[in-house]
């Protein structure tokens, strides 16, 4: 049995032109030079898992449990010919569980898993104020997220590996399907 704990930290802070986001979502006119906002995102957490080898083979069963803290800040949204939209900040936690089964030996490796994430915060963007008593409604996020994946790696030679995979994600607000494929070439081996 192999057990590991992982703690991670991520921070993103950018100045972004939000013209297309505003136009696509809210259908209000925005002049690009006047439309930047600052978005900051902070995430940290801990994940604990163990690898259980099955029957002296390369097959491994891996349960994974995690907890995350998330903090989001979105600065004031500035628009042309409209009132600025006030900033928004939200903090929350999420819990994750995942069960994977994988083959870790040989030229053909695979990994399949199913996971569930519970976001204990329903929004990081509360209702925002504008002038003349207008309000931008808070954004509701799906709190229960179900995911699944299957990935394969085939080592064609010592230096060339073919990789492919499929990921599925679903919550009450959306359903995502992600297909990926790649050929990896190792320069020195």
N, C-alpha and C. Protein backbone atom coordinates (compact mmCIF):
# COMPACT_ATOMS: atom_id res chain seq x y z
N UNK A 1 0.85 -1.18 0.00
CA UNK A 1 0.00 0.00 0.00
C UNK A 1 0.89 1.23 0.00
N UNK A 2 0.60 2.15 -0.89
CA UNK A 2 1.33 3.40 -0.96
C UNK A 2 0.36 4.52 -0.60
N UNK A 3 0.73 5.36 0.35
CA UNK A 3 -0.13 6.48 0.76
C UNK A 3 0.64 7.78 0.58
N UNK A 4 -0.01 8.79 0.06
CA UNK A 4 0.64 10.08 -0.14
C UNK A 4 -0.33 11.20 0.20
N UNK A 5 0.21 12.30 0.62
CA UNK A 5 -0.59 13.51 0.83
C UNK A 5 0.03 14.61 -0.02
N UNK A 6 -0.79 15.40 -0.64
CA UNK A 6 -0.31 16.46 -1.51
C UNK A 6 -1.00 17.75 -1.10
N UNK A 7 -0.23 18.78 -0.91
CA UNK A 7 -0.79 20.09 -0.66
C UNK A 7 -0.37 20.96 -1.83
N UNK A 8 -1.26 21.81 -2.31
CA UNK A 8 -0.94 22.62 -3.47
C UNK A 8 -1.45 24.03 -3.29
N UNK A 9 -0.93 24.91 -4.11
CA UNK A 9 -1.23 26.32 -4.03
C UNK A 9 -1.25 26.88 -5.44
N UNK A 10 -2.24 27.66 -5.76
CA UNK A 10 -2.32 28.29 -7.08
C UNK A 10 -2.80 29.72 -6.92
N UNK A 11 -2.27 30.61 -7.71
CA UNK A 11 -2.67 32.01 -7.66
C UNK A 11 -2.68 32.54 -9.08
N UNK A 12 -3.73 33.25 -9.44
CA UNK A 12 -3.81 33.86 -10.76
C UNK A 12 -4.26 35.30 -10.57
N UNK A 13 -3.53 36.20 -11.15
CA UNK A 13 -3.91 37.60 -11.12
C UNK A 13 -3.56 38.19 -12.47
N UNK A 14 -4.54 38.62 -13.21
CA UNK A 14 -4.31 39.15 -14.54
C UNK A 14 -5.17 40.38 -14.75
N UNK A 15 -4.73 41.22 -15.63
CA UNK A 15 -5.58 42.29 -16.13
C UNK A 15 -6.06 41.82 -17.48
N UNK A 16 -7.35 41.74 -17.65
CA UNK A 16 -7.92 41.10 -18.82
C UNK A 16 -8.90 42.05 -19.49
N UNK A 17 -8.98 41.99 -20.81
CA UNK A 17 -10.00 42.72 -21.54
C UNK A 17 -11.24 41.84 -21.58
N UNK A 18 -12.34 42.31 -20.99
CA UNK A 18 -13.52 41.46 -20.83
C UNK A 18 -14.60 41.74 -21.87
N UNK A 19 -14.26 42.36 -22.97
CA UNK A 19 -15.26 42.74 -23.95
C UNK A 19 -16.14 41.57 -24.38
N UNK A 20 -15.52 40.47 -24.82
CA UNK A 20 -16.33 39.36 -25.31
C UNK A 20 -17.13 38.71 -24.19
N UNK A 21 -16.55 38.65 -22.98
CA UNK A 21 -17.29 38.07 -21.85
C UNK A 21 -18.55 38.89 -21.57
N UNK A 22 -18.39 40.19 -21.52
CA UNK A 22 -19.55 41.05 -21.27
C UNK A 22 -20.55 40.94 -22.42
N UNK A 23 -20.09 41.07 -23.65
CA UNK A 23 -21.01 41.03 -24.78
C UNK A 23 -21.72 39.69 -24.90
N UNK A 24 -21.00 38.59 -24.71
CA UNK A 24 -21.62 37.28 -24.85
C UNK A 24 -22.61 37.00 -23.73
N UNK A 25 -22.29 37.42 -22.52
CA UNK A 25 -23.11 37.06 -21.38
C UNK A 25 -24.23 38.06 -21.12
N UNK A 26 -23.92 39.33 -21.17
CA UNK A 26 -24.89 40.33 -20.74
C UNK A 26 -25.43 41.20 -21.86
N UNK A 27 -24.87 41.09 -23.06
CA UNK A 27 -25.34 41.83 -24.23
C UNK A 27 -25.38 43.34 -23.99
N UNK A 28 -24.31 43.87 -23.42
CA UNK A 28 -24.23 45.32 -23.26
C UNK A 28 -23.02 45.83 -24.03
N UNK A 29 -23.10 47.02 -24.63
CA UNK A 29 -21.98 47.53 -25.41
C UNK A 29 -20.82 47.93 -24.51
N UNK A 30 -19.62 47.56 -24.94
CA UNK A 30 -18.42 47.86 -24.16
C UNK A 30 -17.34 48.33 -25.11
N UNK A 31 -16.64 49.37 -24.72
CA UNK A 31 -15.50 49.82 -25.52
C UNK A 31 -14.26 49.10 -24.99
N UNK A 32 -13.53 48.38 -25.82
CA UNK A 32 -12.40 47.58 -25.35
C UNK A 32 -11.38 48.32 -24.50
N UNK A 33 -10.97 49.54 -24.82
CA UNK A 33 -9.95 50.16 -23.97
C UNK A 33 -10.44 50.47 -22.56
N UNK A 34 -11.75 50.56 -22.36
CA UNK A 34 -12.28 50.92 -21.05
C UNK A 34 -12.83 49.72 -20.30
N UNK A 35 -12.61 48.53 -20.78
CA UNK A 35 -13.28 47.37 -20.21
C UNK A 35 -12.42 46.43 -19.37
N UNK A 36 -11.22 46.79 -18.93
CA UNK A 36 -10.45 45.81 -18.17
C UNK A 36 -10.97 45.66 -16.74
N UNK A 37 -10.77 44.47 -16.18
CA UNK A 37 -10.99 44.27 -14.77
C UNK A 37 -9.89 43.39 -14.26
N UNK A 38 -9.68 43.38 -12.98
CA UNK A 38 -8.65 42.55 -12.38
C UNK A 38 -9.33 41.36 -11.73
N UNK A 39 -8.85 40.18 -12.06
CA UNK A 39 -9.42 38.95 -11.55
C UNK A 39 -8.33 38.22 -10.80
N UNK A 40 -8.59 37.87 -9.55
CA UNK A 40 -7.61 37.15 -8.74
C UNK A 40 -8.27 35.90 -8.22
N UNK A 41 -7.52 34.84 -8.28
CA UNK A 41 -8.02 33.54 -7.90
C UNK A 41 -6.96 32.86 -7.06
N UNK A 42 -7.34 32.34 -5.91
CA UNK A 42 -6.40 31.67 -5.01
C UNK A 42 -7.03 30.34 -4.61
N UNK A 43 -6.25 29.29 -4.75
CA UNK A 43 -6.75 27.96 -4.39
C UNK A 43 -5.64 27.20 -3.68
N UNK A 44 -5.98 26.56 -2.57
CA UNK A 44 -5.04 25.69 -1.89
C UNK A 44 -5.82 24.50 -1.36
N UNK A 45 -5.15 23.42 -1.14
CA UNK A 45 -5.86 22.25 -0.65
C UNK A 45 -4.95 21.12 -0.29
N UNK A 46 -5.56 20.07 0.12
CA UNK A 46 -4.83 18.86 0.46
C UNK A 46 -5.56 17.68 -0.17
N UNK A 47 -4.79 16.74 -0.67
CA UNK A 47 -5.34 15.54 -1.28
C UNK A 47 -4.58 14.34 -0.71
N UNK A 48 -5.32 13.34 -0.30
CA UNK A 48 -4.72 12.14 0.28
C UNK A 48 -5.21 10.94 -0.53
N UNK A 49 -4.27 10.09 -0.95
CA UNK A 49 -4.65 8.90 -1.70
C UNK A 49 -3.69 7.77 -1.36
N UNK A 50 -4.08 6.59 -1.73
CA UNK A 50 -3.15 5.46 -1.64
C UNK A 50 -3.34 4.56 -2.84
N UNK A 51 -2.25 3.90 -3.21
CA UNK A 51 -2.25 2.98 -4.34
C UNK A 51 -2.24 1.56 -3.78
N UNK A 52 -3.25 0.77 -4.14
CA UNK A 52 -3.34 -0.62 -3.73
C UNK A 52 -3.14 -1.50 -4.94
N UNK A 53 -1.98 -2.20 -4.99
CA UNK A 53 -1.73 -3.12 -6.10
C UNK A 53 -2.62 -4.34 -5.94
N UNK A 54 -3.16 -4.82 -7.06
CA UNK A 54 -4.04 -5.97 -7.04
C UNK A 54 -3.32 -7.20 -7.59
N UNK A 55 -3.22 -8.24 -6.81
CA UNK A 55 -2.71 -9.55 -7.25
C UNK A 55 -1.35 -9.51 -7.94
N UNK A 56 -0.38 -8.82 -7.40
CA UNK A 56 0.98 -8.77 -7.96
C UNK A 56 1.00 -8.45 -9.45
N UNK A 57 0.07 -7.67 -9.91
CA UNK A 57 0.03 -7.26 -11.31
C UNK A 57 0.31 -5.78 -11.38
N UNK A 58 0.25 -5.23 -12.57
CA UNK A 58 0.41 -3.79 -12.72
C UNK A 58 -0.88 -3.02 -12.48
N UNK A 59 -1.94 -3.72 -12.08
CA UNK A 59 -3.24 -3.08 -11.84
C UNK A 59 -3.24 -2.46 -10.44
N UNK A 60 -3.63 -1.19 -10.38
CA UNK A 60 -3.63 -0.44 -9.13
C UNK A 60 -5.01 0.16 -8.92
N UNK A 61 -5.52 0.06 -7.71
CA UNK A 61 -6.76 0.70 -7.30
C UNK A 61 -6.38 1.89 -6.43
N UNK A 62 -6.91 3.10 -6.76
CA UNK A 62 -6.51 4.30 -6.03
C UNK A 62 -7.74 5.09 -5.57
N UNK A 63 -8.07 5.04 -4.27
CA UNK A 63 -9.04 6.00 -3.74
C UNK A 63 -8.32 7.31 -3.41
N UNK A 64 -9.01 8.42 -3.60
CA UNK A 64 -8.42 9.75 -3.43
C UNK A 64 -9.44 10.64 -2.72
N UNK A 65 -9.01 11.35 -1.69
CA UNK A 65 -9.87 12.25 -0.92
C UNK A 65 -9.19 13.60 -0.82
N UNK A 66 -9.94 14.68 -1.02
CA UNK A 66 -9.34 16.00 -0.97
C UNK A 66 -10.26 17.07 -0.42
N UNK A 67 -9.66 18.15 0.02
CA UNK A 67 -10.37 19.33 0.52
C UNK A 67 -9.64 20.55 -0.01
N UNK A 68 -10.40 21.53 -0.55
CA UNK A 68 -9.81 22.74 -1.11
C UNK A 68 -10.42 23.98 -0.48
N UNK A 69 -9.61 25.04 -0.40
CA UNK A 69 -10.08 26.37 -0.04
C UNK A 69 -9.89 27.22 -1.28
N UNK A 70 -10.94 27.98 -1.67
CA UNK A 70 -10.92 28.79 -2.88
C UNK A 70 -11.31 30.22 -2.51
N UNK A 71 -10.57 31.17 -3.05
CA UNK A 71 -10.90 32.58 -2.88
C UNK A 71 -10.87 33.25 -4.25
N UNK A 72 -11.93 33.98 -4.58
CA UNK A 72 -12.05 34.65 -5.88
C UNK A 72 -12.34 36.12 -5.64
N UNK A 73 -11.62 36.99 -6.34
CA UNK A 73 -11.90 38.42 -6.31
C UNK A 73 -11.96 38.92 -7.74
N UNK A 74 -13.02 39.62 -8.07
CA UNK A 74 -13.15 40.23 -9.39
C UNK A 74 -13.32 41.72 -9.16
N UNK A 75 -12.40 42.51 -9.69
CA UNK A 75 -12.44 43.96 -9.50
C UNK A 75 -13.61 44.60 -10.22
N UNK A 76 -13.73 45.87 -10.07
CA UNK A 76 -14.80 46.63 -10.70
C UNK A 76 -14.76 46.47 -12.22
N UNK A 77 -15.91 46.24 -12.81
CA UNK A 77 -16.02 46.14 -14.27
C UNK A 77 -16.38 47.52 -14.79
N UNK A 78 -15.51 48.07 -15.63
CA UNK A 78 -15.72 49.41 -16.16
C UNK A 78 -16.22 49.30 -17.60
N UNK A 79 -17.27 50.05 -17.90
CA UNK A 79 -17.87 50.01 -19.24
C UNK A 79 -18.04 51.42 -19.77
N UNK A 80 -18.18 51.54 -21.07
CA UNK A 80 -18.41 52.84 -21.69
C UNK A 80 -19.91 53.08 -21.76
N UNK A 81 -20.33 54.30 -21.43
CA UNK A 81 -21.73 54.73 -21.51
C UNK A 81 -22.65 53.95 -20.57
N UNK A 82 -22.09 53.31 -19.56
CA UNK A 82 -22.89 52.62 -18.55
C UNK A 82 -22.20 52.79 -17.21
N UNK A 83 -22.92 52.50 -16.18
CA UNK A 83 -22.34 52.58 -14.85
C UNK A 83 -21.37 51.43 -14.63
N UNK A 84 -20.34 51.70 -13.84
CA UNK A 84 -19.43 50.63 -13.46
C UNK A 84 -20.17 49.62 -12.61
N UNK A 85 -19.73 48.37 -12.69
CA UNK A 85 -20.32 47.29 -11.89
C UNK A 85 -19.35 47.01 -10.75
N UNK A 86 -19.84 47.02 -9.53
CA UNK A 86 -18.98 46.90 -8.36
C UNK A 86 -18.22 45.57 -8.34
N UNK A 87 -17.16 45.56 -7.56
CA UNK A 87 -16.34 44.36 -7.45
C UNK A 87 -17.09 43.27 -6.66
N UNK A 88 -16.58 42.06 -6.77
CA UNK A 88 -17.18 40.92 -6.06
C UNK A 88 -16.07 40.06 -5.50
N UNK A 89 -16.33 39.50 -4.31
CA UNK A 89 -15.36 38.62 -3.67
C UNK A 89 -16.11 37.49 -3.01
N UNK A 90 -15.54 36.30 -3.10
CA UNK A 90 -16.15 35.15 -2.45
C UNK A 90 -15.10 34.15 -2.01
N UNK A 91 -15.37 33.47 -0.92
CA UNK A 91 -14.49 32.44 -0.38
C UNK A 91 -15.31 31.19 -0.14
N UNK A 92 -14.68 30.04 -0.26
CA UNK A 92 -15.41 28.81 -0.01
C UNK A 92 -14.51 27.59 0.04
N UNK A 93 -15.14 26.46 0.27
CA UNK A 93 -14.42 25.19 0.34
C UNK A 93 -15.12 24.17 -0.54
N UNK A 94 -14.36 23.16 -0.92
CA UNK A 94 -14.89 22.06 -1.72
C UNK A 94 -14.27 20.76 -1.23
N UNK A 95 -15.06 19.70 -1.25
CA UNK A 95 -14.57 18.38 -0.90
C UNK A 95 -14.60 17.50 -2.13
N UNK A 96 -13.62 16.60 -2.28
CA UNK A 96 -13.51 15.76 -3.46
C UNK A 96 -13.25 14.31 -3.06
N UNK A 97 -13.86 13.40 -3.80
CA UNK A 97 -13.52 11.98 -3.69
C UNK A 97 -13.41 11.43 -5.10
N UNK A 98 -12.50 10.49 -5.29
CA UNK A 98 -12.31 9.89 -6.61
C UNK A 98 -11.84 8.46 -6.42
N UNK A 99 -12.27 7.59 -7.31
CA UNK A 99 -11.80 6.22 -7.32
C UNK A 99 -11.29 5.92 -8.73
N UNK A 100 -10.03 5.48 -8.81
CA UNK A 100 -9.40 5.17 -10.09
C UNK A 100 -8.89 3.74 -10.09
N UNK A 101 -8.88 3.14 -11.25
CA UNK A 101 -8.22 1.86 -11.45
C UNK A 101 -7.32 2.03 -12.67
N UNK A 102 -6.09 1.51 -12.57
CA UNK A 102 -5.12 1.78 -13.62
C UNK A 102 -4.14 0.63 -13.79
N UNK A 103 -3.57 0.55 -14.99
CA UNK A 103 -2.48 -0.36 -15.27
C UNK A 103 -1.22 0.49 -15.37
N UNK A 104 -0.22 0.20 -14.52
CA UNK A 104 0.97 1.05 -14.44
C UNK A 104 2.21 0.39 -15.01
N UNK A 105 2.09 -0.80 -15.57
CA UNK A 105 3.26 -1.51 -16.06
C UNK A 105 3.09 -1.88 -17.53
N UNK A 106 4.23 -2.06 -18.21
CA UNK A 106 4.22 -2.48 -19.60
C UNK A 106 4.17 -1.32 -20.58
N UNK A 107 4.07 -1.64 -21.86
CA UNK A 107 4.03 -0.61 -22.90
C UNK A 107 2.65 0.04 -23.02
N UNK A 108 1.61 -0.69 -22.64
CA UNK A 108 0.24 -0.17 -22.72
C UNK A 108 -0.26 0.11 -21.31
N UNK A 109 -0.42 1.39 -20.99
CA UNK A 109 -0.89 1.80 -19.67
C UNK A 109 -2.24 2.47 -19.84
N UNK A 110 -3.12 2.32 -18.85
CA UNK A 110 -4.43 2.95 -18.90
C UNK A 110 -4.85 3.37 -17.50
N UNK A 111 -5.80 4.27 -17.47
CA UNK A 111 -6.32 4.81 -16.20
C UNK A 111 -7.80 5.15 -16.43
N UNK A 112 -8.65 4.66 -15.55
CA UNK A 112 -10.08 5.00 -15.61
C UNK A 112 -10.51 5.41 -14.21
N UNK A 113 -11.32 6.45 -14.13
CA UNK A 113 -11.73 6.91 -12.81
C UNK A 113 -13.08 7.58 -12.84
N UNK A 114 -13.67 7.65 -11.65
CA UNK A 114 -14.93 8.38 -11.45
C UNK A 114 -14.76 9.21 -10.18
N UNK A 115 -15.28 10.44 -10.23
CA UNK A 115 -15.10 11.33 -9.09
C UNK A 115 -16.35 12.14 -8.79
N UNK A 116 -16.39 12.66 -7.58
CA UNK A 116 -17.47 13.52 -7.15
C UNK A 116 -16.86 14.68 -6.36
N UNK A 117 -17.30 15.90 -6.66
CA UNK A 117 -16.85 17.08 -5.94
C UNK A 117 -18.07 17.81 -5.41
N UNK A 118 -18.03 18.20 -4.15
CA UNK A 118 -19.09 18.99 -3.54
C UNK A 118 -18.52 20.35 -3.20
N UNK A 119 -19.04 21.39 -3.88
CA UNK A 119 -18.65 22.75 -3.59
C UNK A 119 -19.57 23.26 -2.49
N UNK A 120 -19.02 23.57 -1.34
CA UNK A 120 -19.84 23.99 -0.20
C UNK A 120 -20.26 25.45 -0.28
N UNK A 121 -19.85 26.13 -1.35
CA UNK A 121 -20.24 27.52 -1.60
C UNK A 121 -21.02 27.55 -2.90
N UNK A 122 -22.19 28.16 -2.90
CA UNK A 122 -23.00 28.16 -4.12
C UNK A 122 -22.60 29.27 -5.09
N UNK A 123 -21.85 30.27 -4.63
CA UNK A 123 -21.39 31.33 -5.53
C UNK A 123 -20.17 32.02 -4.95
N UNK A 124 -19.32 32.50 -5.84
CA UNK A 124 -18.21 33.37 -5.45
C UNK A 124 -18.47 34.79 -5.92
N UNK A 125 -19.54 34.98 -6.67
CA UNK A 125 -19.89 36.30 -7.19
C UNK A 125 -21.29 36.66 -6.71
N UNK A 126 -21.34 37.40 -5.61
CA UNK A 126 -22.62 37.84 -5.05
C UNK A 126 -23.23 38.93 -5.94
N UNK A 127 -24.45 39.32 -5.60
CA UNK A 127 -25.13 40.40 -6.33
C UNK A 127 -24.25 41.65 -6.29
N UNK A 128 -24.20 42.37 -7.43
CA UNK A 128 -23.34 43.55 -7.52
C UNK A 128 -24.17 44.79 -7.83
N UNK A 129 -23.70 45.90 -7.30
CA UNK A 129 -24.40 47.17 -7.42
C UNK A 129 -23.96 47.94 -8.66
N UNK A 130 -24.94 48.65 -9.25
CA UNK A 130 -24.69 49.62 -10.29
C UNK A 130 -25.45 50.90 -9.88
N UNK A 131 -25.30 51.97 -10.63
CA UNK A 131 -26.03 53.19 -10.29
C UNK A 131 -27.51 53.02 -10.62
N UNK A 132 -28.35 53.95 -10.17
CA UNK A 132 -29.79 53.95 -10.41
C UNK A 132 -30.47 52.68 -9.90
N UNK A 133 -29.94 52.11 -8.84
CA UNK A 133 -30.50 50.92 -8.19
C UNK A 133 -30.54 49.69 -9.09
N UNK A 134 -29.76 49.68 -10.16
CA UNK A 134 -29.64 48.47 -10.98
C UNK A 134 -28.70 47.50 -10.28
N UNK A 135 -28.94 46.23 -10.47
CA UNK A 135 -28.11 45.21 -9.84
C UNK A 135 -27.76 44.14 -10.87
N UNK A 136 -26.54 43.61 -10.75
CA UNK A 136 -26.15 42.45 -11.54
C UNK A 136 -26.40 41.24 -10.63
N UNK A 137 -27.20 40.32 -11.10
CA UNK A 137 -27.57 39.16 -10.28
C UNK A 137 -26.34 38.34 -9.92
N UNK A 138 -26.41 37.69 -8.76
CA UNK A 138 -25.30 36.81 -8.38
C UNK A 138 -25.25 35.61 -9.32
N UNK A 139 -24.07 35.06 -9.47
CA UNK A 139 -23.87 33.90 -10.33
C UNK A 139 -23.98 32.64 -9.49
N UNK A 140 -24.86 31.75 -9.87
CA UNK A 140 -25.01 30.49 -9.14
C UNK A 140 -24.17 29.42 -9.80
N UNK A 141 -23.40 28.72 -9.00
CA UNK A 141 -22.57 27.63 -9.50
C UNK A 141 -23.19 26.31 -9.08
N UNK A 142 -22.96 25.29 -9.87
CA UNK A 142 -23.40 23.97 -9.49
C UNK A 142 -22.58 23.48 -8.31
N UNK A 143 -23.25 22.98 -7.29
CA UNK A 143 -22.53 22.55 -6.09
C UNK A 143 -22.08 21.10 -6.16
N UNK A 144 -22.75 20.26 -6.93
CA UNK A 144 -22.39 18.85 -7.05
C UNK A 144 -21.84 18.61 -8.43
N UNK A 145 -20.63 18.10 -8.50
CA UNK A 145 -19.97 17.89 -9.77
C UNK A 145 -19.54 16.43 -9.88
N UNK A 146 -20.02 15.75 -10.92
CA UNK A 146 -19.67 14.36 -11.18
C UNK A 146 -18.71 14.33 -12.36
N UNK A 147 -17.64 13.54 -12.25
CA UNK A 147 -16.67 13.47 -13.34
C UNK A 147 -16.24 12.03 -13.57
N UNK A 148 -15.77 11.79 -14.77
CA UNK A 148 -15.22 10.49 -15.12
C UNK A 148 -14.15 10.67 -16.18
N UNK A 149 -13.22 9.74 -16.22
CA UNK A 149 -12.15 9.83 -17.23
C UNK A 149 -11.66 8.44 -17.60
N UNK A 150 -11.10 8.37 -18.80
CA UNK A 150 -10.36 7.20 -19.24
C UNK A 150 -9.20 7.71 -20.09
N UNK A 151 -8.01 7.23 -19.78
CA UNK A 151 -6.80 7.65 -20.48
C UNK A 151 -5.98 6.42 -20.85
N UNK A 152 -5.32 6.49 -22.00
CA UNK A 152 -4.42 5.42 -22.41
C UNK A 152 -3.08 6.01 -22.83
N UNK A 153 -2.02 5.27 -22.58
CA UNK A 153 -0.66 5.59 -23.04
C UNK A 153 -0.10 4.33 -23.67
N UNK A 154 0.40 4.45 -24.89
CA UNK A 154 1.03 3.31 -25.55
C UNK A 154 2.44 3.73 -25.97
N UNK A 155 3.45 3.08 -25.40
CA UNK A 155 4.84 3.37 -25.74
C UNK A 155 5.19 2.62 -27.02
N UNK A 156 5.21 3.34 -28.14
CA UNK A 156 5.50 2.73 -29.43
C UNK A 156 6.98 2.36 -29.54
N UNK A 157 7.85 3.24 -29.03
CA UNK A 157 9.29 2.98 -28.95
C UNK A 157 9.76 3.55 -27.62
N UNK A 158 11.08 3.50 -27.38
CA UNK A 158 11.63 4.09 -26.15
C UNK A 158 11.41 5.59 -26.10
N UNK A 159 11.27 6.22 -27.26
CA UNK A 159 11.17 7.68 -27.31
C UNK A 159 9.80 8.19 -27.71
N UNK A 160 8.94 7.37 -28.29
CA UNK A 160 7.66 7.84 -28.81
C UNK A 160 6.51 7.16 -28.06
N UNK A 161 5.60 7.98 -27.56
CA UNK A 161 4.42 7.48 -26.84
C UNK A 161 3.17 8.12 -27.41
N UNK A 162 2.16 7.31 -27.67
CA UNK A 162 0.85 7.81 -28.09
C UNK A 162 -0.03 7.90 -26.85
N UNK A 163 -0.72 9.05 -26.69
CA UNK A 163 -1.58 9.28 -25.53
C UNK A 163 -2.95 9.72 -26.02
N UNK A 164 -3.99 9.19 -25.39
CA UNK A 164 -5.35 9.60 -25.73
C UNK A 164 -6.20 9.53 -24.47
N UNK A 165 -7.29 10.30 -24.45
CA UNK A 165 -8.15 10.28 -23.28
C UNK A 165 -9.48 10.95 -23.52
N UNK A 166 -10.36 10.70 -22.59
CA UNK A 166 -11.70 11.29 -22.59
C UNK A 166 -12.04 11.66 -21.16
N UNK A 167 -12.58 12.87 -20.98
CA UNK A 167 -13.02 13.33 -19.67
C UNK A 167 -14.47 13.79 -19.77
N UNK A 168 -15.24 13.47 -18.77
CA UNK A 168 -16.65 13.85 -18.71
C UNK A 168 -16.87 14.59 -17.39
N UNK A 169 -17.63 15.68 -17.45
CA UNK A 169 -17.93 16.45 -16.24
C UNK A 169 -19.37 16.93 -16.32
N UNK A 170 -20.09 16.82 -15.21
CA UNK A 170 -21.51 17.18 -15.21
C UNK A 170 -21.88 17.77 -13.86
N UNK A 171 -22.58 18.89 -13.89
CA UNK A 171 -23.27 19.40 -12.71
C UNK A 171 -24.59 20.01 -13.16
N UNK A 172 -25.33 20.63 -12.27
CA UNK A 172 -26.66 21.12 -12.62
C UNK A 172 -26.64 22.26 -13.64
N UNK A 173 -25.47 22.87 -13.89
CA UNK A 173 -25.38 23.98 -14.84
C UNK A 173 -24.80 23.61 -16.20
N UNK A 174 -24.05 22.53 -16.29
CA UNK A 174 -23.42 22.21 -17.56
C UNK A 174 -23.02 20.74 -17.63
N UNK A 175 -22.70 20.34 -18.86
CA UNK A 175 -22.16 19.01 -19.12
C UNK A 175 -21.00 19.19 -20.10
N UNK A 176 -19.81 18.71 -19.76
CA UNK A 176 -18.64 18.86 -20.60
C UNK A 176 -18.12 17.51 -21.05
N UNK A 177 -17.70 17.44 -22.32
CA UNK A 177 -17.02 16.28 -22.88
C UNK A 177 -15.69 16.78 -23.43
N UNK A 178 -14.59 16.18 -23.02
CA UNK A 178 -13.27 16.62 -23.46
C UNK A 178 -12.50 15.42 -23.99
N UNK A 179 -12.15 15.47 -25.27
CA UNK A 179 -11.34 14.43 -25.90
C UNK A 179 -9.95 14.99 -26.11
N UNK A 180 -8.95 14.15 -25.91
CA UNK A 180 -7.58 14.61 -26.12
C UNK A 180 -6.75 13.49 -26.73
N UNK A 181 -5.76 13.87 -27.52
CA UNK A 181 -4.84 12.91 -28.12
C UNK A 181 -3.51 13.62 -28.36
N UNK A 182 -2.43 12.87 -28.22
CA UNK A 182 -1.10 13.47 -28.41
C UNK A 182 -0.10 12.38 -28.73
N UNK A 183 0.96 12.80 -29.36
CA UNK A 183 2.13 11.94 -29.53
C UNK A 183 3.27 12.64 -28.82
N UNK A 184 3.91 11.91 -27.93
CA UNK A 184 4.99 12.46 -27.12
C UNK A 184 6.32 11.90 -27.63
N UNK A 185 7.29 12.78 -27.79
CA UNK A 185 8.63 12.37 -28.22
C UNK A 185 9.63 12.80 -27.15
N UNK A 186 10.39 11.86 -26.61
CA UNK A 186 11.38 12.14 -25.58
C UNK A 186 12.74 12.36 -26.25
N UNK A 187 13.37 13.50 -25.97
CA UNK A 187 14.64 13.82 -26.60
C UNK A 187 15.78 12.94 -26.09
N UNK A 188 15.89 12.78 -24.79
CA UNK A 188 16.97 11.95 -24.21
C UNK A 188 16.35 10.87 -23.35
N UNK A 189 16.72 9.64 -23.64
CA UNK A 189 16.21 8.53 -22.83
C UNK A 189 17.21 7.42 -22.80
